[in-house]
Protein backbone atom coordinates (compact mmCIF):
# COMPACT_ATOMS: atom_id res chain seq x y z
CA MET A 1 -95.12 -38.92 -15.52
CA GLN A 2 -91.81 -37.45 -16.72
CA ARG A 3 -89.27 -35.10 -15.19
CA LEU A 4 -88.42 -32.10 -17.35
CA GLU A 5 -85.28 -30.13 -18.11
CA CYS A 6 -86.33 -26.55 -18.81
CA THR A 7 -84.86 -23.41 -20.37
CA ILE A 8 -83.37 -20.52 -18.36
CA GLN A 9 -83.57 -17.04 -19.92
CA LYS A 10 -80.79 -14.68 -18.80
CA TYR A 11 -82.26 -11.24 -19.43
CA LYS A 12 -80.59 -8.15 -18.01
CA TRP A 13 -83.47 -7.39 -15.60
CA GLY A 14 -83.23 -10.77 -13.84
CA LYS A 15 -82.00 -11.25 -10.28
CA LYS A 16 -78.31 -12.01 -9.99
CA GLY A 17 -77.03 -15.39 -8.88
CA LEU A 18 -78.92 -17.23 -6.17
CA ASN A 19 -80.81 -14.09 -5.10
CA GLY A 20 -83.75 -15.17 -7.26
CA LEU A 21 -85.93 -18.27 -7.37
CA VAL A 22 -85.17 -18.88 -11.05
CA ALA A 23 -81.54 -19.70 -10.24
CA GLN A 24 -82.52 -21.61 -7.10
CA LEU A 25 -84.96 -23.78 -9.08
CA SER A 26 -82.79 -24.12 -12.19
CA GLY A 27 -80.93 -27.30 -11.27
CA LEU A 28 -77.72 -25.75 -12.58
CA ILE A 29 -74.59 -27.26 -11.10
CA LYS A 30 -72.90 -23.86 -11.10
CA VAL A 31 -74.75 -20.57 -10.67
CA GLU A 32 -72.71 -17.49 -11.61
CA GLU A 33 -72.94 -14.75 -8.95
CA GLU A 34 -72.98 -11.89 -11.48
CA GLU A 35 -75.24 -13.56 -14.06
CA SER A 36 -78.87 -12.40 -14.33
CA TYR A 37 -81.30 -15.33 -14.14
CA ALA A 38 -84.63 -13.88 -15.28
CA GLU A 39 -87.07 -16.56 -16.44
CA LEU A 40 -87.57 -20.31 -16.24
CA TRP A 41 -89.69 -21.50 -19.20
CA MET A 42 -91.77 -24.68 -18.99
CA GLY A 43 -93.49 -25.89 -22.14
CA THR A 44 -92.96 -26.22 -25.87
CA HIS A 45 -92.44 -22.65 -27.10
CA LYS A 46 -89.75 -22.61 -29.79
CA ASN A 47 -87.74 -19.89 -28.00
CA GLY A 48 -87.28 -22.03 -24.89
CA PRO A 49 -88.50 -25.63 -25.29
CA SER A 50 -88.46 -28.15 -22.43
CA LYS A 51 -86.91 -31.61 -22.72
CA ILE A 52 -87.73 -35.00 -21.20
CA LYS A 53 -84.90 -35.35 -18.70
CA ASN A 54 -84.07 -39.06 -18.95
CA GLU A 55 -84.48 -39.26 -22.74
CA GLY A 56 -83.02 -35.91 -23.82
CA ILE A 57 -85.75 -35.37 -26.40
CA LEU A 58 -87.95 -32.30 -26.76
CA LEU A 59 -91.29 -32.41 -24.98
CA SER A 60 -92.94 -31.73 -28.35
CA GLU A 61 -91.22 -34.84 -29.80
CA TYR A 62 -92.41 -36.86 -26.81
CA PHE A 63 -95.99 -35.83 -27.67
CA GLU A 64 -95.52 -37.02 -31.27
CA LYS A 65 -94.36 -40.43 -30.02
CA ASN A 66 -96.94 -40.62 -27.20
CA PRO A 67 -100.08 -38.76 -28.34
CA LYS A 68 -102.27 -40.40 -25.70
CA VAL A 69 -100.62 -38.37 -22.92
CA LEU A 70 -102.57 -35.35 -24.21
CA GLY A 71 -106.25 -34.63 -23.69
CA GLU A 72 -108.73 -34.88 -26.55
CA HIS A 73 -108.90 -31.07 -26.73
CA GLU A 74 -105.13 -30.53 -27.03
CA LYS A 75 -104.07 -32.64 -30.00
CA LYS A 76 -101.82 -29.86 -31.29
CA GLY A 77 -99.88 -29.88 -28.01
CA LEU A 78 -99.79 -27.57 -25.02
CA ASN A 79 -101.72 -24.32 -25.35
CA PHE A 80 -99.85 -22.50 -22.60
CA LEU A 81 -96.39 -21.32 -21.57
CA PHE A 82 -95.59 -21.67 -17.86
CA LYS A 83 -92.83 -19.59 -16.24
CA VAL A 84 -91.10 -18.55 -13.04
CA LEU A 85 -89.79 -14.96 -13.07
CA SER A 86 -87.12 -13.39 -10.85
CA VAL A 87 -87.30 -9.63 -11.36
CA GLY A 88 -84.30 -7.64 -10.12
CA SER A 89 -84.99 -4.40 -12.00
CA SER A 90 -87.89 -3.04 -14.01
CA LEU A 91 -89.21 -4.78 -17.09
CA SER A 92 -90.45 -2.66 -19.97
CA VAL A 93 -93.70 -0.71 -19.97
CA GLN A 94 -95.62 -3.10 -22.19
CA SER A 95 -98.86 -4.66 -23.33
CA HIS A 96 -99.85 -7.75 -25.32
CA PRO A 97 -102.02 -7.91 -28.45
CA THR A 98 -105.35 -9.61 -29.11
CA LYS A 99 -105.39 -12.66 -31.41
CA GLU A 100 -106.40 -10.52 -34.37
CA GLN A 101 -103.71 -7.91 -33.64
CA ALA A 102 -101.11 -10.66 -33.14
CA ILE A 103 -101.85 -12.16 -36.57
CA TYR A 104 -101.43 -8.73 -38.18
CA LEU A 105 -98.28 -7.75 -36.23
CA HIS A 106 -96.65 -11.14 -36.87
CA SER A 107 -97.30 -10.92 -40.61
CA LYS A 108 -95.96 -7.36 -40.75
CA ASP A 109 -92.96 -7.79 -38.42
CA PRO A 110 -92.16 -11.43 -37.51
CA LYS A 111 -88.79 -10.46 -36.05
CA ASN A 112 -90.30 -8.37 -33.26
CA TYR A 113 -93.63 -10.23 -33.03
CA PRO A 114 -92.57 -13.89 -33.28
CA ASP A 115 -96.04 -15.43 -32.78
CA ASP A 116 -99.48 -15.11 -34.36
CA ASN A 117 -101.20 -15.70 -31.01
CA HIS A 118 -102.41 -13.50 -28.19
CA LYS A 119 -100.74 -13.51 -24.77
CA PRO A 120 -103.18 -13.11 -21.87
CA GLU A 121 -101.19 -13.79 -18.71
CA LEU A 122 -101.63 -14.54 -15.02
CA ALA A 123 -98.93 -13.62 -12.47
CA ILE A 124 -98.99 -15.21 -8.99
CA ALA A 125 -96.59 -13.74 -6.43
CA LEU A 126 -94.06 -16.07 -4.78
CA THR A 127 -92.43 -13.26 -2.81
CA GLU A 128 -93.65 -9.71 -2.36
CA PHE A 129 -94.04 -8.70 -6.00
CA GLU A 130 -93.95 -5.03 -7.00
CA LEU A 131 -95.54 -3.88 -10.25
CA LEU A 132 -97.29 -1.22 -12.30
CA CYS A 133 -100.49 -2.48 -13.85
CA GLY A 134 -103.58 -0.95 -15.46
CA PHE A 135 -104.53 2.72 -15.56
CA ARG A 136 -105.32 4.46 -12.29
CA LYS A 137 -108.74 5.94 -11.54
CA PRO A 138 -109.30 9.33 -13.25
CA GLU A 139 -109.06 11.31 -10.01
CA GLU A 140 -105.67 9.75 -9.21
CA ILE A 141 -104.31 10.52 -12.68
CA LEU A 142 -105.51 14.13 -12.44
CA SER A 143 -103.97 14.50 -8.98
CA ASN A 144 -100.62 13.10 -10.19
CA ILE A 145 -100.57 15.47 -13.17
CA LYS A 146 -101.29 18.45 -10.91
CA LEU A 147 -98.51 17.36 -8.53
CA ASN A 148 -96.16 17.09 -11.52
CA LYS A 149 -97.27 20.16 -13.48
CA GLU A 150 -94.20 20.01 -15.68
CA ILE A 151 -95.87 17.43 -17.94
CA GLU A 152 -98.70 19.87 -18.70
CA GLU A 153 -96.16 21.48 -21.06
CA ILE A 154 -96.51 18.36 -23.21
CA ILE A 155 -100.22 17.70 -22.70
CA GLY A 156 -101.43 21.23 -23.36
CA GLU A 157 -104.11 23.26 -21.61
CA GLU A 158 -106.92 22.27 -23.99
CA GLU A 159 -106.51 18.52 -23.42
CA MET A 160 -106.21 19.00 -19.66
CA LYS A 161 -109.62 20.70 -19.63
CA LYS A 162 -111.22 17.77 -21.46
CA PHE A 163 -110.09 15.20 -18.86
CA SER A 164 -112.38 15.50 -15.84
CA ILE A 165 -113.91 13.33 -13.11
CA LYS A 166 -117.27 14.80 -14.18
CA ASN A 167 -117.05 13.11 -17.58
CA ASP A 168 -118.55 9.73 -18.39
CA GLU A 169 -116.24 6.73 -18.81
CA GLU A 170 -116.00 6.81 -22.61
CA GLU A 171 -115.23 10.55 -22.68
CA ASN A 172 -112.37 10.08 -20.24
CA LYS A 173 -111.04 7.05 -22.12
CA ASN A 174 -110.83 9.16 -25.26
CA SER A 175 -109.18 12.04 -23.38
CA LEU A 176 -106.70 9.74 -21.66
CA LYS A 177 -105.76 8.18 -25.00
CA ILE A 178 -104.94 11.62 -26.40
CA ILE A 179 -103.00 12.68 -23.27
CA PHE A 180 -101.04 9.41 -22.96
CA THR A 181 -100.22 9.35 -26.69
CA LYS A 182 -99.06 13.00 -26.67
CA ILE A 183 -96.65 12.27 -23.81
CA TRP A 184 -95.33 8.96 -25.15
CA THR A 185 -94.81 10.32 -28.68
CA ALA A 186 -93.37 13.71 -27.70
CA PRO A 187 -89.94 14.64 -29.14
CA GLU A 188 -87.08 13.08 -27.18
CA GLU A 189 -85.52 16.44 -26.26
CA LYS A 190 -88.85 17.68 -24.90
CA ILE A 191 -89.23 14.53 -22.79
CA LYS A 192 -85.72 14.85 -21.38
CA PHE A 193 -86.30 18.52 -20.53
CA VAL A 194 -89.55 17.78 -18.67
CA LEU A 195 -88.14 14.70 -16.91
CA ASN A 196 -85.13 16.61 -15.65
CA LYS A 197 -87.35 19.37 -14.29
CA ILE A 198 -89.46 16.80 -12.42
CA LEU A 199 -86.40 14.97 -11.10
CA GLU A 200 -84.74 18.20 -9.98
CA ARG A 201 -87.87 19.22 -8.07
CA ILE A 202 -88.59 15.90 -6.33
CA SER A 203 -84.93 15.35 -5.42
CA LYS A 204 -85.14 18.47 -3.25
CA LYS A 205 -88.30 17.36 -1.41
CA GLU A 206 -87.73 16.44 2.23
CA GLU A 207 -90.74 14.11 2.31
CA LYS A 208 -90.99 12.09 -0.86
CA THR A 209 -94.04 10.06 -1.87
CA ASN A 210 -93.89 6.42 -3.02
CA ILE A 211 -94.31 7.68 -6.58
CA ASP A 212 -91.44 10.18 -6.14
CA ASN A 213 -89.14 7.41 -4.92
CA LEU A 214 -90.16 5.12 -7.77
CA ILE A 215 -89.55 7.84 -10.39
CA ILE A 216 -86.04 8.38 -8.96
CA ARG A 217 -85.41 4.62 -8.92
CA LEU A 218 -86.57 4.13 -12.51
CA ASN A 219 -84.40 7.04 -13.65
CA ASN A 220 -81.39 5.36 -12.05
CA GLN A 221 -82.17 2.22 -14.09
CA PHE A 222 -83.16 3.96 -17.36
CA PRO A 223 -81.95 7.60 -17.31
CA GLU A 224 -84.25 10.09 -19.08
CA ASP A 225 -86.53 7.31 -20.40
CA ILE A 226 -90.21 8.13 -21.06
CA GLY A 227 -91.22 5.07 -18.99
CA ILE A 228 -90.16 6.95 -15.85
CA LEU A 229 -93.52 8.76 -16.07
CA ALA A 230 -95.54 5.51 -16.06
CA PRO A 231 -96.20 5.58 -12.26
CA LEU A 232 -98.21 8.80 -12.70
CA PHE A 233 -100.71 6.91 -14.88
CA LEU A 234 -100.52 3.23 -13.87
CA ASN A 235 -101.52 1.58 -10.59
CA TYR A 236 -98.45 0.98 -8.41
CA PHE A 237 -98.89 -1.85 -5.92
CA THR A 238 -97.32 -4.92 -4.33
CA LEU A 239 -98.77 -8.43 -4.42
CA LYS A 240 -98.24 -10.62 -1.35
CA PRO A 241 -97.27 -14.29 -1.85
CA GLY A 242 -100.27 -16.14 -3.28
CA GLU A 243 -101.94 -12.98 -4.58
CA ALA A 244 -102.35 -12.65 -8.34
CA THR A 245 -103.10 -10.29 -11.19
CA PHE A 246 -104.54 -11.17 -14.59
CA LEU A 247 -103.56 -9.18 -17.66
CA GLY A 248 -105.86 -9.30 -20.65
CA PRO A 249 -104.96 -7.89 -24.08
CA ASN A 250 -103.87 -4.26 -24.35
CA GLU A 251 -103.51 -3.62 -20.61
CA PRO A 252 -100.34 -1.63 -19.79
CA HIS A 253 -98.00 -3.04 -17.16
CA ALA A 254 -94.41 -3.25 -15.95
CA TYR A 255 -93.05 -5.70 -13.38
CA LEU A 256 -90.66 -3.94 -11.00
CA PHE A 257 -89.25 -6.37 -8.42
CA GLY A 258 -89.84 -9.82 -6.94
CA ASP A 259 -90.47 -13.44 -7.89
CA CYS A 260 -93.63 -14.87 -9.42
CA VAL A 261 -95.16 -17.79 -11.25
CA GLU A 262 -96.57 -16.70 -14.60
CA CYS A 263 -98.81 -18.53 -17.04
CA MET A 264 -99.90 -17.32 -20.46
CA ALA A 265 -101.21 -18.45 -23.82
CA LEU A 266 -98.48 -19.93 -26.02
CA SER A 267 -96.94 -16.68 -27.26
CA ASP A 268 -93.93 -14.42 -26.78
CA ASN A 269 -95.49 -11.27 -28.28
CA THR A 270 -94.79 -8.05 -26.38
CA ILE A 271 -95.53 -4.45 -27.43
CA ARG A 272 -92.95 -2.27 -25.61
CA ALA A 273 -92.96 1.49 -25.04
CA GLY A 274 -90.35 2.35 -22.42
CA LEU A 275 -87.89 1.19 -19.73
CA THR A 276 -86.08 -1.09 -22.16
CA PRO A 277 -83.15 -1.12 -24.60
CA LYS A 278 -85.19 -3.50 -26.81
CA PHE A 279 -87.37 -2.63 -29.80
CA LYS A 280 -90.14 -0.17 -28.92
CA ASP A 281 -93.41 0.17 -30.81
CA VAL A 282 -94.90 3.20 -29.07
CA GLN A 283 -97.51 4.02 -31.70
CA THR A 284 -98.93 0.47 -31.69
CA LEU A 285 -99.11 0.41 -27.90
CA CYS A 286 -100.77 3.83 -27.61
CA GLU A 287 -103.25 3.06 -30.38
CA ASN A 288 -104.43 -0.26 -28.94
CA LEU A 289 -104.54 0.17 -25.14
CA THR A 290 -108.01 -0.23 -23.58
CA TYR A 291 -107.59 2.93 -21.44
CA LYS A 292 -109.81 1.31 -18.83
CA MET A 293 -109.29 3.15 -15.50
CA SER A 294 -109.72 1.31 -12.19
CA GLY A 295 -107.91 0.34 -9.02
CA PRO A 296 -105.16 -2.31 -8.90
CA PRO A 297 -106.37 -5.39 -10.83
CA ILE A 298 -106.14 -8.10 -8.16
CA PHE A 299 -107.31 -11.53 -9.39
CA GLU A 300 -109.12 -13.59 -6.75
CA PRO A 301 -108.55 -17.38 -6.76
CA LYS A 302 -111.05 -19.98 -5.52
CA LYS A 303 -110.46 -22.54 -2.78
CA LEU A 304 -111.59 -25.99 -3.91
CA GLU A 305 -112.76 -28.74 -1.54
CA ASN A 306 -109.68 -30.91 -2.00
CA GLY A 307 -107.25 -28.29 -0.65
CA ILE A 308 -106.38 -26.85 -4.06
CA VAL A 309 -106.35 -23.10 -4.67
CA GLU A 310 -107.50 -22.52 -8.25
CA TYR A 311 -106.62 -19.53 -10.43
CA ALA A 312 -108.99 -19.68 -13.41
CA PRO A 313 -108.86 -16.47 -15.47
CA PRO A 314 -111.39 -15.84 -18.27
CA VAL A 315 -109.35 -17.53 -21.02
CA GLU A 316 -109.56 -20.98 -22.58
CA GLU A 317 -105.82 -21.77 -22.64
CA PHE A 318 -104.96 -22.32 -18.98
CA VAL A 319 -105.89 -22.78 -15.32
CA VAL A 320 -103.31 -22.79 -12.51
CA HIS A 321 -103.60 -24.83 -9.30
CA LYS A 322 -101.65 -24.06 -6.14
CA LEU A 323 -100.83 -27.09 -3.97
CA ASP A 324 -99.47 -26.92 -0.42
CA GLN A 325 -99.17 -29.20 2.63
CA ASN A 326 -102.98 -29.52 2.79
CA ILE A 327 -103.13 -31.49 -0.46
CA SER A 328 -103.44 -35.29 -0.30
CA ILE A 329 -104.15 -36.34 -3.90
CA LEU A 330 -102.72 -35.30 -7.25
CA GLN A 331 -106.10 -35.44 -8.95
CA SER A 332 -106.77 -37.02 -12.31
CA ILE A 333 -107.73 -34.52 -15.01
CA GLN A 334 -108.53 -34.96 -18.71
CA ALA A 335 -105.61 -32.80 -19.80
CA ALA A 336 -101.83 -32.87 -19.79
CA SER A 337 -100.22 -30.66 -17.15
CA ILE A 338 -96.91 -29.29 -15.93
CA MET A 339 -96.12 -29.00 -12.22
CA ILE A 340 -93.17 -27.26 -10.54
CA ILE A 341 -92.13 -27.70 -6.91
CA ILE A 342 -91.32 -24.24 -5.52
CA SER A 343 -90.33 -25.30 -2.00
CA GLY A 344 -90.23 -28.29 0.33
CA LYS A 345 -90.69 -31.93 -0.60
CA ALA A 346 -93.29 -34.70 -0.72
CA LEU A 347 -93.78 -38.31 -1.75
CA LEU A 348 -95.93 -39.31 -4.72
CA ILE A 349 -97.55 -42.75 -4.28
CA LEU A 350 -98.51 -44.43 -7.56
CA GLU A 351 -100.62 -47.33 -6.29
CA LYS A 352 -101.38 -48.98 -9.66
CA GLU A 353 -97.68 -49.14 -10.55
CA ASN A 354 -96.63 -49.84 -6.95
CA LEU A 355 -94.14 -46.96 -7.17
CA LYS A 356 -93.03 -44.12 -4.92
CA GLU A 357 -91.42 -40.92 -6.25
CA GLU A 358 -89.90 -38.21 -4.06
CA ILE A 359 -90.46 -34.70 -5.38
CA VAL A 360 -88.34 -31.80 -4.09
CA LYS A 361 -87.77 -28.09 -4.68
CA GLY A 362 -86.82 -27.47 -8.29
CA ASP A 363 -88.44 -30.60 -9.73
CA ILE A 364 -90.54 -29.95 -12.83
CA LEU A 365 -92.93 -32.70 -13.87
CA PHE A 366 -94.89 -33.40 -17.02
CA ILE A 367 -98.08 -35.17 -15.96
CA PRO A 368 -100.09 -37.04 -18.62
CA GLN A 369 -103.87 -36.85 -18.74
CA LEU A 370 -105.79 -39.11 -16.31
CA PHE A 371 -102.72 -39.56 -14.09
CA GLU A 372 -103.48 -39.86 -10.39
CA ALA A 373 -101.27 -40.25 -7.30
CA LYS A 374 -101.44 -39.84 -3.56
CA ILE A 375 -99.28 -37.09 -2.05
CA GLU A 376 -97.81 -38.03 1.32
CA GLU A 377 -94.96 -37.09 3.69
CA LYS A 378 -95.24 -33.41 2.77
CA SER A 379 -92.89 -30.98 4.47
CA GLU A 380 -94.48 -27.95 6.15
CA ASP A 381 -93.12 -25.67 3.43
CA PHE A 382 -94.32 -27.81 0.51
CA LEU A 383 -95.53 -25.55 -2.32
CA ALA A 384 -96.19 -26.47 -5.94
CA PHE A 385 -98.01 -25.02 -8.93
CA ARG A 386 -99.68 -27.06 -11.67
CA THR A 387 -101.10 -25.73 -14.93
CA PHE A 388 -103.27 -27.27 -17.64
CA THR A 389 -105.78 -26.42 -20.36
CA PRO A 390 -109.33 -27.03 -19.11
CA ILE A 391 -111.89 -28.82 -21.28
């Protein structure tokens, strides 16, 4: 077992100072009050590689020197990227490509698509976590368009007639693709004109809806940006601590506020289309979205017999385990893993080595395959997350 030193990403949307868990968990001697601490990266991705704390070498180098710490199925190293996010303002409206799309996008534009891998991701709330994710049901989208008739100027009467709750699923997917693409690719001046009409109208409303308030809030963060219209089309909801959402390829989403644990395949590919000063690839996003319409995509974990809560999405790269005060054993698995202590403390008992190791909030551990320890003297608020690639 090794303690890790991990990379902090200071993106503009991160929570400032110690307001977010990223800064609290960072281990930094000095946290700047006005600095935005957005993401804590755990793993071997080249844009934010972890190091072995007491040796100062990269985790990837440690694997080269100690290949037996990895499972038989992970000889090329870790297949996942593990993160903590502290979201202070909206992230971009975005999606992630399939493996095939990632290979193509990376070959065409390696600067903006740095990896040739897909990026399915699981987000588990650590605080109340506010987000937009997946397209709403057709009746909700139609209702939101009717309540905000100004955007019909962009959509056009003909396309509005084609989108109906009476249609079958495929018909509405095709109609939604046309509608969404027309809005997101409309001339900038047209978008600004329509947005300002919507904002002027809702600002005068005495009783504003949640969507009204979010549109105003997003406009304050990104004035006259097309992404301000995303809440009309995407599910807007809040995860409670421990609740999760899983995002497969080409599902639109935007994190809005809160702290979460996030795990994904080893990739940093993002297709952006709004609410960001970064590179946008609107045409690619609109062309490849699934346009699947449903309610908020809540991912249900399973409770295992040993006190573990398991989040196992339908991907081969990762599984995440949640450990709390009910856990008594750090179980042996045939894969390398990374574990972060989110809160509290506990004592690891390594009986074979006759060792005891205290683990506390902010500790990040690399755990080799087939490693086992007892977990004792847990505080009431002990909370940790462990991720690995299943066989």
